[in-house]
């Protein structure tokens, strides 16, 4: 799979680790954020660059990394079709996929060590929407997701 990834300065080290982790698993990763030794890119710009690329359909999934993860998640969710979830553990990573069908994972370098971040990424990627739920609950989740998409259409005019 081809991923977009981006970070601000508070995310460069973890981003480097996540790029290596994804590439080791055979994925392609395009860095749309601040580069090590490059010009400063604030968190809201890095998050917007990644979210815009997902919103436009250039990437199916993406990862954004900043210090706490909160600001990047707020920014990313301002783009239609982007469902960004900030995760700090594997349970949240799985649920971001199985319950929310999140296409953008937000990580926090100040809160999440690289090994834990890799485990969160793996859990997020390995879990399918609706996975682990009975058929009735899967239908409920799909309906919720479709209603959210309709909200987006109304609110992003």
Foldseek 3Di string as FASTA:
>chain_A
DEEEEEEFPQCAVLVVLVCVLQVVVPYHYHYQYDHVVGDGDDLLRRLLSRLVCCLVPVDQAYEYEYAAQVVSQVNSVVGQPADEDEDAAQVVLLCCAQQVVGRYYYYHSNRHDNVRVSSSVCSNVVHHHNPPHDPVVSVVSVVVNVVVNVVSVVVVD
